[in-house]
């Protein structure tokens, strides 16, 4: 079940940080402090127990999906789509008319999810993400809500 969390408790932040680190390994995941700092600025978290979470930021009539992380053992079960849908719903309820995100050009699973949800590419940041084998572009995507 997806639920919205406005300010997660300290012990929950550690669990979210561990989930993020595992989801983005071997890259560096976000720390509990980084997630707490984002939540303190008004970013909203939608989560599904220990299986995944999404973090969005709202500004005026725009939202940004800052991250979405799904535990490896829960991938392929529709949790990412449910979290994305919940994030979009929270954004729309808070007045956002568009949602934006950035994704690594080599993240095929995320790109499939976002395109299936109706996101379209609006730009590219060349060599934005670092990989052991070199740098990869970030794709900038957007969707009307």
C-alpha atoms as a PDB file:
ATOM      1  CA  UNK A   1       0.000   0.000   0.000  1.00  0.00           C
ATOM      2  CA  UNK A   2       1.377   3.401  -0.993  1.00  0.00           C
ATOM      3  CA  UNK A   3       1.241   6.109   1.647  1.00  0.00           C
ATOM      4  CA  UNK A   4       2.396   9.705   1.797  1.00  0.00           C
ATOM      5  CA  UNK A   5       4.975  10.652   4.427  1.00  0.00           C
ATOM      6  CA  UNK A   6       5.551  14.342   5.110  1.00  0.00           C
ATOM      7  CA  UNK A   7       8.410  14.034   7.618  1.00  0.00           C
ATOM      8  CA  UNK A   8       9.771  10.550   8.206  1.00  0.00           C
ATOM      9  CA  UNK A   9      11.065   9.632  11.662  1.00  0.00           C
ATOM     10  CA  UNK A  10      14.821   9.261  12.128  1.00  0.00           C
ATOM     11  CA  UNK A  11      14.738   5.447  12.099  1.00  0.00           C
ATOM     12  CA  UNK A  12      12.679   5.502   8.902  1.00  0.00           C
ATOM     13  CA  UNK A  13      15.211   7.818   7.247  1.00  0.00           C
ATOM     14  CA  UNK A  14      17.929   5.214   7.772  1.00  0.00           C
ATOM     15  CA  UNK A  15      15.753   2.571   6.118  1.00  0.00           C
ATOM     16  CA  UNK A  16      15.018   4.869   3.167  1.00  0.00           C
ATOM     17  CA  UNK A  17      18.727   5.675   2.787  1.00  0.00           C
ATOM     18  CA  UNK A  18      19.605   1.966   2.808  1.00  0.00           C
ATOM     19  CA  UNK A  19      16.923   1.263   0.204  1.00  0.00           C
ATOM     20  CA  UNK A  20      18.191   4.126  -1.982  1.00  0.00           C
ATOM     21  CA  UNK A  21      21.804   2.952  -1.692  1.00  0.00           C
ATOM     22  CA  UNK A  22      20.847  -0.594  -2.673  1.00  0.00           C
ATOM     23  CA  UNK A  23      18.683   0.578  -5.573  1.00  0.00           C
ATOM     24  CA  UNK A  24      21.420   2.765  -7.030  1.00  0.00           C
ATOM     25  CA  UNK A  25      24.475   0.577  -6.343  1.00  0.00           C
ATOM     26  CA  UNK A  26      27.250   0.748  -7.347  1.00  0.00           C
ATOM     27  CA  UNK A  27      26.624   4.511  -7.469  1.00  0.00           C
ATOM     28  CA  UNK A  28      26.346   6.411  -4.217  1.00  0.00           C
ATOM     29  CA  UNK A  29      22.846   6.466  -2.787  1.00  0.00           C
ATOM     30  CA  UNK A  30      21.496   9.346  -0.751  1.00  0.00           C
ATOM     31  CA  UNK A  31      22.199   9.446   2.974  1.00  0.00           C
ATOM     32  CA  UNK A  32      19.531   9.710   5.669  1.00  0.00           C
ATOM     33  CA  UNK A  33      20.633  13.317   6.200  1.00  0.00           C
ATOM     34  CA  UNK A  34      20.217  14.168   2.518  1.00  0.00           C
ATOM     35  CA  UNK A  35      16.723  12.666   2.444  1.00  0.00           C
ATOM     36  CA  UNK A  36      15.841  14.502   5.669  1.00  0.00           C
ATOM     37  CA  UNK A  37      17.122  17.785   4.216  1.00  0.00           C
ATOM     38  CA  UNK A  38      14.952  17.329   1.124  1.00  0.00           C
ATOM     39  CA  UNK A  39      11.915  16.441   3.241  1.00  0.00           C
ATOM     40  CA  UNK A  40      12.558  19.530   5.394  1.00  0.00           C
ATOM     41  CA  UNK A  41      12.420  21.753   2.307  1.00  0.00           C
ATOM     42  CA  UNK A  42       8.924  20.516   1.550  1.00  0.00           C
ATOM     43  CA  UNK A  43       9.717  17.524  -0.636  1.00  0.00           C
ATOM     44  CA  UNK A  44       7.103  14.810  -0.243  1.00  0.00           C
ATOM     45  CA  UNK A  45       7.696  11.102   0.088  1.00  0.00           C
ATOM     46  CA  UNK A  46       5.403   8.347  -1.114  1.00  0.00           C
ATOM     47  CA  UNK A  47       6.463   4.914   0.089  1.00  0.00           C
ATOM     48  CA  UNK A  48       5.481   1.283  -0.024  1.00  0.00           C
ATOM     49  CA  UNK A  49       6.752  -0.219   3.256  1.00  0.00           C
ATOM     50  CA  UNK A  50      10.299  -1.444   2.682  1.00  0.00           C
ATOM     51  CA  UNK A  51       9.782  -2.092  -1.014  1.00  0.00           C
ATOM     52  CA  UNK A  52      10.241   1.394  -2.431  1.00  0.00           C
ATOM     53  CA  UNK A  53       9.765   5.124  -2.210  1.00  0.00           C
ATOM     54  CA  UNK A  54       9.485   8.207  -4.395  1.00  0.00           C
ATOM     55  CA  UNK A  55      10.499  11.723  -3.456  1.00  0.00           C
ATOM     56  CA  UNK A  56       9.015  14.769  -5.194  1.00  0.00           C
ATOM     57  CA  UNK A  57       9.548  18.488  -4.872  1.00  0.00           C
ATOM     58  CA  UNK A  58       6.862  21.076  -5.559  1.00  0.00           C
ATOM     59  CA  UNK A  59       7.320  24.676  -6.711  1.00  0.00           C
ATOM     60  CA  UNK A  60       4.373  26.768  -7.875  1.00  0.00           C
ATOM     61  CA  UNK A  61       2.604  24.691 -10.531  1.00  0.00           C
ATOM     62  CA  UNK A  62       5.551  22.365 -11.234  1.00  0.00           C
ATOM     63  CA  UNK A  63       6.751  19.176  -9.596  1.00  0.00           C
ATOM     64  CA  UNK A  64      10.021  17.334  -9.903  1.00  0.00           C
ATOM     65  CA  UNK A  65      10.492  13.649  -9.268  1.00  0.00           C
ATOM     66  CA  UNK A  66      13.765  13.761  -7.345  1.00  0.00           C
ATOM     67  CA  UNK A  67      14.148  10.007  -7.035  1.00  0.00           C
ATOM     68  CA  UNK A  68      12.289   6.761  -7.130  1.00  0.00           C
ATOM     69  CA  UNK A  69      13.865   3.653  -5.619  1.00  0.00           C
ATOM     70  CA  UNK A  70      12.517   0.105  -5.578  1.00  0.00           C
ATOM     71  CA  UNK A  71      14.146  -2.752  -3.699  1.00  0.00           C
ATOM     72  CA  UNK A  72      15.715  -5.269  -6.051  1.00  0.00           C
ATOM     73  CA  UNK A  73      13.580  -8.154  -4.787  1.00  0.00           C
ATOM     74  CA  UNK A  74      10.417  -6.087  -5.428  1.00  0.00           C
ATOM     75  CA  UNK A  75      11.215  -5.025  -8.990  1.00  0.00           C
ATOM     76  CA  UNK A  76       8.866  -6.147 -11.718  1.00  0.00           C
ATOM     77  CA  UNK A  77       5.867  -6.218  -9.383  1.00  0.00           C
ATOM     78  CA  UNK A  78       4.446  -2.830 -10.392  1.00  0.00           C
ATOM     79  CA  UNK A  79       5.704  -0.985  -7.313  1.00  0.00           C
ATOM     80  CA  UNK A  80       7.647   1.575  -9.347  1.00  0.00           C
ATOM     81  CA  UNK A  81       4.547   2.349 -11.398  1.00  0.00           C
ATOM     82  CA  UNK A  82       2.409   2.610  -8.256  1.00  0.00           C
ATOM     83  CA  UNK A  83       4.923   4.942  -6.595  1.00  0.00           C
ATOM     84  CA  UNK A  84       5.138   7.089  -9.732  1.00  0.00           C
ATOM     85  CA  UNK A  85       1.342   7.235  -9.936  1.00  0.00           C
ATOM     86  CA  UNK A  86       1.142   8.215  -6.250  1.00  0.00           C
ATOM     87  CA  UNK A  87       3.795  10.913  -6.710  1.00  0.00           C
ATOM     88  CA  UNK A  88       1.920  12.325  -9.705  1.00  0.00           C
ATOM     89  CA  UNK A  89      -1.332  12.301  -7.704  1.00  0.00           C
ATOM     90  CA  UNK A  90       0.252  14.154  -4.780  1.00  0.00           C
ATOM     91  CA  UNK A  91       1.761  16.666  -7.186  1.00  0.00           C
ATOM     92  CA  UNK A  92      -1.565  17.284  -8.929  1.00  0.00           C
ATOM     93  CA  UNK A  93      -3.438  17.616  -5.611  1.00  0.00           C
ATOM     94  CA  UNK A  94      -0.916  20.278  -4.621  1.00  0.00           C
ATOM     95  CA  UNK A  95      -1.488  22.312  -7.784  1.00  0.00           C
ATOM     96  CA  UNK A  96       1.225  21.011 -10.101  1.00  0.00           C
ATOM     97  CA  UNK A  97       0.273  20.925 -13.765  1.00  0.00           C
ATOM     98  CA  UNK A  98       3.556  19.392 -14.996  1.00  0.00           C
ATOM     99  CA  UNK A  99       6.090  17.006 -13.537  1.00  0.00           C
ATOM    100  CA  UNK A 100       9.743  16.808 -14.529  1.00  0.00           C
ATOM    101  CA  UNK A 101      12.565  14.339 -13.917  1.00  0.00           C
ATOM    102  CA  UNK A 102      16.075  13.441 -14.998  1.00  0.00           C
ATOM    103  CA  UNK A 103      17.156   9.876 -15.712  1.00  0.00           C
ATOM    104  CA  UNK A 104      20.390   8.296 -16.897  1.00  0.00           C
ATOM    105  CA  UNK A 105      20.226   7.470 -20.583  1.00  0.00           C
ATOM    106  CA  UNK A 106      21.364   3.908 -19.820  1.00  0.00           C
ATOM    107  CA  UNK A 107      18.615   3.191 -17.258  1.00  0.00           C
ATOM    108  CA  UNK A 108      16.394   1.109 -19.532  1.00  0.00           C
ATOM    109  CA  UNK A 109      13.972  -0.023 -16.799  1.00  0.00           C
ATOM    110  CA  UNK A 110      13.322   3.528 -15.578  1.00  0.00           C
ATOM    111  CA  UNK A 111      12.980   4.855 -19.126  1.00  0.00           C
ATOM    112  CA  UNK A 112      10.413   2.153 -19.928  1.00  0.00           C
ATOM    113  CA  UNK A 113       8.436   3.050 -16.796  1.00  0.00           C
ATOM    114  CA  UNK A 114       8.500   6.778 -17.509  1.00  0.00           C
ATOM    115  CA  UNK A 115       7.617   6.437 -21.183  1.00  0.00           C
ATOM    116  CA  UNK A 116       4.777   4.051 -20.375  1.00  0.00           C
ATOM    117  CA  UNK A 117       3.482   6.671 -17.935  1.00  0.00           C
ATOM    118  CA  UNK A 118       3.492   9.337 -20.655  1.00  0.00           C
ATOM    119  CA  UNK A 119       6.739  11.210 -20.025  1.00  0.00           C
ATOM    120  CA  UNK A 120       8.440  12.745 -23.042  1.00  0.00           C
ATOM    121  CA  UNK A 121      12.043  13.799 -23.513  1.00  0.00           C
ATOM    122  CA  UNK A 122      12.465  17.580 -23.395  1.00  0.00           C
ATOM    123  CA  UNK A 123      16.244  17.843 -23.157  1.00  0.00           C
ATOM    124  CA  UNK A 124      19.565  16.195 -22.466  1.00  0.00           C
ATOM    125  CA  UNK A 125      22.492  16.913 -20.161  1.00  0.00           C
ATOM    126  CA  UNK A 126      25.590  15.504 -21.863  1.00  0.00           C
ATOM    127  CA  UNK A 127      27.972  13.444 -19.716  1.00  0.00           C
ATOM    128  CA  UNK A 128      25.963  14.217 -16.565  1.00  0.00           C
ATOM    129  CA  UNK A 129      26.264  10.901 -14.694  1.00  0.00           C
ATOM    130  CA  UNK A 130      29.554   9.241 -13.813  1.00  0.00           C
ATOM    131  CA  UNK A 131      29.982   5.533 -14.468  1.00  0.00           C
ATOM    132  CA  UNK A 132      33.029   3.314 -13.924  1.00  0.00           C
ATOM    133  CA  UNK A 133      33.380   3.047 -17.706  1.00  0.00           C
ATOM    134  CA  UNK A 134      32.867   6.774 -18.352  1.00  0.00           C
ATOM    135  CA  UNK A 135      30.127   9.383 -18.292  1.00  0.00           C
ATOM    136  CA  UNK A 136      26.531   9.033 -19.472  1.00  0.00           C
ATOM    137  CA  UNK A 137      23.930  11.588 -20.518  1.00  0.00           C
ATOM    138  CA  UNK A 138      20.963  12.534 -18.375  1.00  0.00           C
ATOM    139  CA  UNK A 139      17.651  12.700 -20.187  1.00  0.00           C
ATOM    140  CA  UNK A 140      15.240  15.400 -19.031  1.00  0.00           C
ATOM    141  CA  UNK A 141      11.635  14.218 -19.199  1.00  0.00           C
ATOM    142  CA  UNK A 142       8.322  15.953 -18.548  1.00  0.00           C
ATOM    143  CA  UNK A 143       4.650  15.112 -18.404  1.00  0.00           C
ATOM    144  CA  UNK A 144       1.490  17.171 -18.123  1.00  0.00           C
ATOM    145  CA  UNK A 145      -0.606  16.275 -15.087  1.00  0.00           C
END
